[in-house]
Amino acid sequence: MQINPAGSVAKVRVMSEEFGLSINVDLNLERYSELQLKTGELVYVAPRKVRVFAPDDYTI
């Protein structure tokens, strides 16, 4: 996990070793403070708003 406080939000990059994914999460500073996240800590993500960016050649 990488954490970068940026203005009114904390930008957190969460990485999954199992699936080879990274997820970018924006938290308001109040929520970030409540969670007391630390680099290397195990976290679970339950998104409310999601945007997915896939390469142009991606097919299902």
PDB file of N, CA and C in Angstrom:
ATOM      1  N   MET A   1       0.851  -1.167   0.000  1.00  0.00           N
ATOM      2  CA  MET A   1       0.000   0.000   0.000  1.00  0.00           C
ATOM      3  C   MET A   1       0.895   1.228   0.000  1.00  0.00           C
ATOM      4  N   GLN A   2       0.551   2.187  -0.836  1.00  0.00           N
ATOM      5  CA  GLN A   2       1.243   3.466  -0.873  1.00  0.00           C
ATOM      6  C   GLN A   2       0.243   4.548  -0.491  1.00  0.00           C
ATOM      7  N   ILE A   3       0.671   5.504   0.316  1.00  0.00           N
ATOM      8  CA  ILE A   3      -0.215   6.559   0.800  1.00  0.00           C
ATOM      9  C   ILE A   3       0.383   7.907   0.439  1.00  0.00           C
ATOM     10  N   ASN A   4      -0.445   8.791  -0.157  1.00  0.00           N
ATOM     11  CA  ASN A   4       0.011  10.112  -0.542  1.00  0.00           C
ATOM     12  C   ASN A   4      -1.069  11.144  -0.183  1.00  0.00           C
ATOM     13  N   PRO A   5      -0.922  11.834   0.965  1.00  0.00           N
ATOM     14  CA  PRO A   5      -1.876  12.903   1.273  1.00  0.00           C
ATOM     15  C   PRO A   5      -1.747  14.000   0.213  1.00  0.00           C
ATOM     16  N   ALA A   6      -2.868  14.380  -0.393  1.00  0.00           N
ATOM     17  CA  ALA A   6      -2.855  15.369  -1.483  1.00  0.00           C
ATOM     18  C   ALA A   6      -4.017  16.336  -1.305  1.00  0.00           C
ATOM     19  N   GLY A   7      -3.769  17.436  -0.628  1.00  0.00           N
ATOM     20  CA  GLY A   7      -4.822  18.435  -0.424  1.00  0.00           C
ATOM     21  C   GLY A   7      -5.897  17.925   0.515  1.00  0.00           C
ATOM     22  N   SER A   8      -7.141  17.883   0.029  1.00  0.00           N
ATOM     23  CA  SER A   8      -8.264  17.497   0.878  1.00  0.00           C
ATOM     24  C   SER A   8      -8.516  15.988   0.899  1.00  0.00           C
ATOM     25  N   VAL A   9      -7.697  15.208   0.182  1.00  0.00           N
ATOM     26  CA  VAL A   9      -7.866  13.753   0.153  1.00  0.00           C
ATOM     27  C   VAL A   9      -6.531  13.055   0.391  1.00  0.00           C
ATOM     28  N   ALA A  10      -6.623  11.808   0.805  1.00  0.00           N
ATOM     29  CA  ALA A  10      -5.449  10.939   0.873  1.00  0.00           C
ATOM     30  C   ALA A  10      -5.602   9.945  -0.269  1.00  0.00           C
ATOM     31  N   LYS A  11      -4.612   9.897  -1.132  1.00  0.00           N
ATOM     32  CA  LYS A  11      -4.629   8.963  -2.251  1.00  0.00           C
ATOM     33  C   LYS A  11      -3.886   7.699  -1.807  1.00  0.00           C
ATOM     34  N   VAL A  12      -4.600   6.598  -1.819  1.00  0.00           N
ATOM     35  CA  VAL A  12      -4.050   5.328  -1.341  1.00  0.00           C
ATOM     36  C   VAL A  12      -4.042   4.343  -2.509  1.00  0.00           C
ATOM     37  N   ARG A  13      -2.895   3.740  -2.777  1.00  0.00           N
ATOM     38  CA  ARG A  13      -2.810   2.697  -3.798  1.00  0.00           C
ATOM     39  C   ARG A  13      -2.698   1.364  -3.081  1.00  0.00           C
ATOM     40  N   VAL A  14      -3.687   0.511  -3.298  1.00  0.00           N
ATOM     41  CA  VAL A  14      -3.747  -0.810  -2.678  1.00  0.00           C
ATOM     42  C   VAL A  14      -3.365  -1.835  -3.737  1.00  0.00           C
ATOM     43  N   MET A  15      -2.466  -2.754  -3.396  1.00  0.00           N
ATOM     44  CA  MET A  15      -2.001  -3.749  -4.354  1.00  0.00           C
ATOM     45  C   MET A  15      -2.335  -5.163  -3.883  1.00  0.00           C
ATOM     46  N   SER A  16      -2.780  -5.975  -4.819  1.00  0.00           N
ATOM     47  CA  SER A  16      -3.087  -7.368  -4.535  1.00  0.00           C
ATOM     48  C   SER A  16      -2.002  -8.243  -5.137  1.00  0.00           C
ATOM     49  N   GLU A  17      -1.249  -8.913  -4.283  1.00  0.00           N
ATOM     50  CA  GLU A  17      -0.228  -9.829  -4.780  1.00  0.00           C
ATOM     51  C   GLU A  17      -0.870 -11.047  -5.425  1.00  0.00           C
ATOM     52  N   GLU A  18      -2.006 -11.478  -4.891  1.00  0.00           N
ATOM     53  CA  GLU A  18      -2.678 -12.677  -5.389  1.00  0.00           C
ATOM     54  C   GLU A  18      -3.169 -12.511  -6.820  1.00  0.00           C
ATOM     55  N   PHE A  19      -3.757 -11.348  -7.138  1.00  0.00           N
ATOM     56  CA  PHE A  19      -4.355 -11.136  -8.452  1.00  0.00           C
ATOM     57  C   PHE A  19      -3.536 -10.211  -9.350  1.00  0.00           C
ATOM     58  N   GLY A  20      -2.457  -9.624  -8.839  1.00  0.00           N
ATOM     59  CA  GLY A  20      -1.637  -8.732  -9.637  1.00  0.00           C
ATOM     60  C   GLY A  20      -2.335  -7.433 -10.000  1.00  0.00           C
ATOM     61  N   LEU A  21      -3.213  -6.963  -9.144  1.00  0.00           N
ATOM     62  CA  LEU A  21      -3.978  -5.731  -9.382  1.00  0.00           C
ATOM     63  C   LEU A  21      -3.505  -4.612  -8.481  1.00  0.00           C
ATOM     64  N   SER A  22      -3.726  -3.392  -8.920  1.00  0.00           N
ATOM     65  CA  SER A  22      -3.584  -2.263  -8.007  1.00  0.00           C
ATOM     66  C   SER A  22      -4.859  -1.435  -8.115  1.00  0.00           C
ATOM     67  N   ILE A  23      -5.298  -0.910  -6.999  1.00  0.00           N
ATOM     68  CA  ILE A  23      -6.527  -0.113  -6.917  1.00  0.00           C
ATOM     69  C   ILE A  23      -6.166   1.224  -6.295  1.00  0.00           C
ATOM     70  N   ASN A  24      -6.577   2.302  -6.943  1.00  0.00           N
ATOM     71  CA  ASN A  24      -6.371   3.635  -6.396  1.00  0.00           C
ATOM     72  C   ASN A  24      -7.625   4.052  -5.640  1.00  0.00           C
ATOM     73  N   VAL A  25      -7.438   4.459  -4.394  1.00  0.00           N
ATOM     74  CA  VAL A  25      -8.548   4.836  -3.524  1.00  0.00           C
ATOM     75  C   VAL A  25      -8.324   6.262  -3.032  1.00  0.00           C
ATOM     76  N   ASP A  26      -9.336   7.112  -3.179  1.00  0.00           N
ATOM     77  CA  ASP A  26      -9.288   8.467  -2.628  1.00  0.00           C
ATOM     78  C   ASP A  26     -10.150   8.500  -1.374  1.00  0.00           C
ATOM     79  N   LEU A  27      -9.555   8.876  -0.254  1.00  0.00           N
ATOM     80  CA  LEU A  27     -10.279   8.986   1.016  1.00  0.00           C
ATOM     81  C   LEU A  27     -10.245  10.431   1.481  1.00  0.00           C
ATOM     82  N   ASN A  28     -11.381  10.919   2.024  1.00  0.00           N
ATOM     83  CA  ASN A  28     -11.289  12.250   2.618  1.00  0.00           C
ATOM     84  C   ASN A  28     -10.408  12.134   3.854  1.00  0.00           C
ATOM     85  N   LEU A  29      -9.823  13.248   4.256  1.00  0.00           N
ATOM     86  CA  LEU A  29      -8.827  13.204   5.336  1.00  0.00           C
ATOM     87  C   LEU A  29      -9.411  12.728   6.659  1.00  0.00           C
ATOM     88  N   GLU A  30     -10.688  13.009   6.903  1.00  0.00           N
ATOM     89  CA  GLU A  30     -11.321  12.538   8.143  1.00  0.00           C
ATOM     90  C   GLU A  30     -11.372  11.016   8.173  1.00  0.00           C
ATOM     91  N   ARG A  31     -11.811  10.406   7.070  1.00  0.00           N
ATOM     92  CA  ARG A  31     -11.897   8.937   7.009  1.00  0.00           C
ATOM     93  C   ARG A  31     -10.499   8.310   7.059  1.00  0.00           C
ATOM     94  N   TYR A  32      -9.552   8.927   6.365  1.00  0.00           N
ATOM     95  CA  TYR A  32      -8.174   8.452   6.386  1.00  0.00           C
ATOM     96  C   TYR A  32      -7.627   8.449   7.818  1.00  0.00           C
ATOM     97  N   SER A  33      -7.917   9.510   8.559  1.00  0.00           N
ATOM     98  CA  SER A  33      -7.471   9.612   9.949  1.00  0.00           C
ATOM     99  C   SER A  33      -8.121   8.537  10.823  1.00  0.00           C
ATOM    100  N   GLU A  34      -9.417   8.286  10.598  1.00  0.00           N
ATOM    101  CA  GLU A  34     -10.127   7.253  11.369  1.00  0.00           C
ATOM    102  C   GLU A  34      -9.518   5.868  11.147  1.00  0.00           C
ATOM    103  N   LEU A  35      -9.154   5.563   9.903  1.00  0.00           N
ATOM    104  CA  LEU A  35      -8.648   4.233   9.565  1.00  0.00           C
ATOM    105  C   LEU A  35      -7.220   3.993  10.041  1.00  0.00           C
ATOM    106  N   GLN A  36      -6.437   5.050  10.199  1.00  0.00           N
ATOM    107  CA  GLN A  36      -5.044   4.942  10.640  1.00  0.00           C
ATOM    108  C   GLN A  36      -4.270   3.896   9.827  1.00  0.00           C
ATOM    109  N   LEU A  37      -4.337   4.031   8.501  1.00  0.00           N
ATOM    110  CA  LEU A  37      -3.681   3.085   7.606  1.00  0.00           C
ATOM    111  C   LEU A  37      -2.169   3.182   7.701  1.00  0.00           C
ATOM    112  N   LYS A  38      -1.513   2.040   7.545  1.00  0.00           N
ATOM    113  CA  LYS A  38      -0.055   1.959   7.561  1.00  0.00           C
ATOM    114  C   LYS A  38       0.394   1.190   6.319  1.00  0.00           C
ATOM    115  N   THR A  39       1.503   1.596   5.736  1.00  0.00           N
ATOM    116  CA  THR A  39       2.063   0.895   4.586  1.00  0.00           C
ATOM    117  C   THR A  39       2.354  -0.556   4.958  1.00  0.00           C
ATOM    118  N   GLY A  40       1.963  -1.483   4.075  1.00  0.00           N
ATOM    119  CA  GLY A  40       2.188  -2.902   4.305  1.00  0.00           C
ATOM    120  C   GLY A  40       1.064  -3.599   5.050  1.00  0.00           C
ATOM    121  N   GLU A  41       0.082  -2.841   5.506  1.00  0.00           N
ATOM    122  CA  GLU A  41      -1.040  -3.387   6.267  1.00  0.00           C
ATOM    123  C   GLU A  41      -2.043  -4.079   5.339  1.00  0.00           C
ATOM    124  N   LEU A  42      -2.662  -5.153   5.795  1.00  0.00           N
ATOM    125  CA  LEU A  42      -3.703  -5.856   5.055  1.00  0.00           C
ATOM    126  C   LEU A  42      -4.995  -5.069   5.167  1.00  0.00           C
ATOM    127  N   VAL A  43      -5.615  -4.769   4.012  1.00  0.00           N
ATOM    128  CA  VAL A  43      -6.878  -4.032   4.007  1.00  0.00           C
ATOM    129  C   VAL A  43      -7.880  -4.719   3.095  1.00  0.00           C
ATOM    130  N   TYR A  44      -9.144  -4.432   3.296  1.00  0.00           N
ATOM    131  CA  TYR A  44     -10.227  -4.920   2.455  1.00  0.00           C
ATOM    132  C   TYR A  44     -10.927  -3.712   1.866  1.00  0.00           C
ATOM    133  N   VAL A  45     -11.309  -3.809   0.591  1.00  0.00           N
ATOM    134  CA  VAL A  45     -11.922  -2.684  -0.109  1.00  0.00           C
ATOM    135  C   VAL A  45     -13.339  -3.052  -0.512  1.00  0.00           C
ATOM    136  N   ALA A  46     -14.296  -2.168  -0.203  1.00  0.00           N
ATOM    137  CA  ALA A  46     -15.687  -2.315  -0.620  1.00  0.00           C
ATOM    138  C   ALA A  46     -16.090  -0.998  -1.284  1.00  0.00           C
ATOM    139  N   PRO A  47     -15.825  -0.865  -2.589  1.00  0.00           N
ATOM    140  CA  PRO A  47     -16.048   0.410  -3.263  1.00  0.00           C
ATOM    141  C   PRO A  47     -17.524   0.776  -3.402  1.00  0.00           C
ATOM    142  N   ARG A  48     -17.790   2.078  -3.371  1.00  0.00           N
ATOM    143  CA  ARG A  48     -19.138   2.604  -3.628  1.00  0.00           C
ATOM    144  C   ARG A  48     -19.237   3.166  -5.032  1.00  0.00           C
ATOM    145  N   LYS A  49     -18.166   3.798  -5.498  1.00  0.00           N
ATOM    146  CA  LYS A  49     -18.102   4.337  -6.860  1.00  0.00           C
ATOM    147  C   LYS A  49     -16.863   3.745  -7.507  1.00  0.00           C
ATOM    148  N   VAL A  50     -17.027   3.224  -8.720  1.00  0.00           N
ATOM    149  CA  VAL A  50     -15.916   2.547  -9.385  1.00  0.00           C
ATOM    150  C   VAL A  50     -15.771   3.076 -10.811  1.00  0.00           C
ATOM    151  N   ARG A  51     -14.537   3.308 -11.231  1.00  0.00           N
ATOM    152  CA  ARG A  51     -14.214   3.607 -12.630  1.00  0.00           C
ATOM    153  C   ARG A  51     -13.132   2.633 -13.044  1.00  0.00           C
ATOM    154  N   VAL A  52     -13.319   1.984 -14.168  1.00  0.00           N
ATOM    155  CA  VAL A  52     -12.356   1.008 -14.657  1.00  0.00           C
ATOM    156  C   VAL A  52     -11.780   1.514 -15.973  1.00  0.00           C
ATOM    157  N   PHE A  53     -10.466   1.514 -16.074  1.00  0.00           N
ATOM    158  CA  PHE A  53      -9.780   1.914 -17.294  1.00  0.00           C
ATOM    159  C   PHE A  53      -9.073   0.690 -17.841  1.00  0.00           C
ATOM    160  N   ALA A  54      -9.500   0.232 -19.019  1.00  0.00           N
ATOM    161  CA  ALA A  54      -8.915  -0.956 -19.632  1.00  0.00           C
ATOM    162  C   ALA A  54      -8.183  -0.546 -20.908  1.00  0.00           C
ATOM    163  N   PRO A  55      -7.136  -1.298 -21.286  1.00  0.00           N
ATOM    164  CA  PRO A  55      -6.432  -0.997 -22.531  1.00  0.00           C
ATOM    165  C   PRO A  55      -7.368  -1.118 -23.728  1.00  0.00           C
ATOM    166  N   ASP A  56      -7.064  -0.429 -24.821  1.00  0.00           N
ATOM    167  CA  ASP A  56      -7.903  -0.459 -26.015  1.00  0.00           C
ATOM    168  C   ASP A  56      -8.066  -1.856 -26.582  1.00  0.00           C
ATOM    169  N   ASP A  57      -7.046  -2.703 -26.417  1.00  0.00           N
ATOM    170  CA  ASP A  57      -7.097  -4.050 -26.995  1.00  0.00           C
ATOM    171  C   ASP A  57      -7.704  -5.086 -26.051  1.00  0.00           C
ATOM    172  N   TYR A  58      -8.319  -4.645 -24.959  1.00  0.00           N
ATOM    173  CA  TYR A  58      -8.900  -5.561 -23.963  1.00  0.00           C
ATOM    174  C   TYR A  58     -10.232  -6.091 -24.468  1.00  0.00           C
ATOM    175  N   THR A  59     -10.427  -7.400 -24.414  1.00  0.00           N
ATOM    176  CA  THR A  59     -11.703  -8.017 -24.800  1.00  0.00           C
ATOM    177  C   THR A  59     -12.123  -9.040 -23.769  1.00  0.00           C
ATOM    178  N   ILE A  60     -13.404  -9.259 -23.707  1.00  0.00           N
ATOM    179  CA  ILE A  60     -13.953 -10.267 -22.766  1.00  0.00           C
ATOM    180  C   ILE A  60     -14.438 -11.442 -23.560  1.00  0.00           C
TER     181      ILE A  60
END
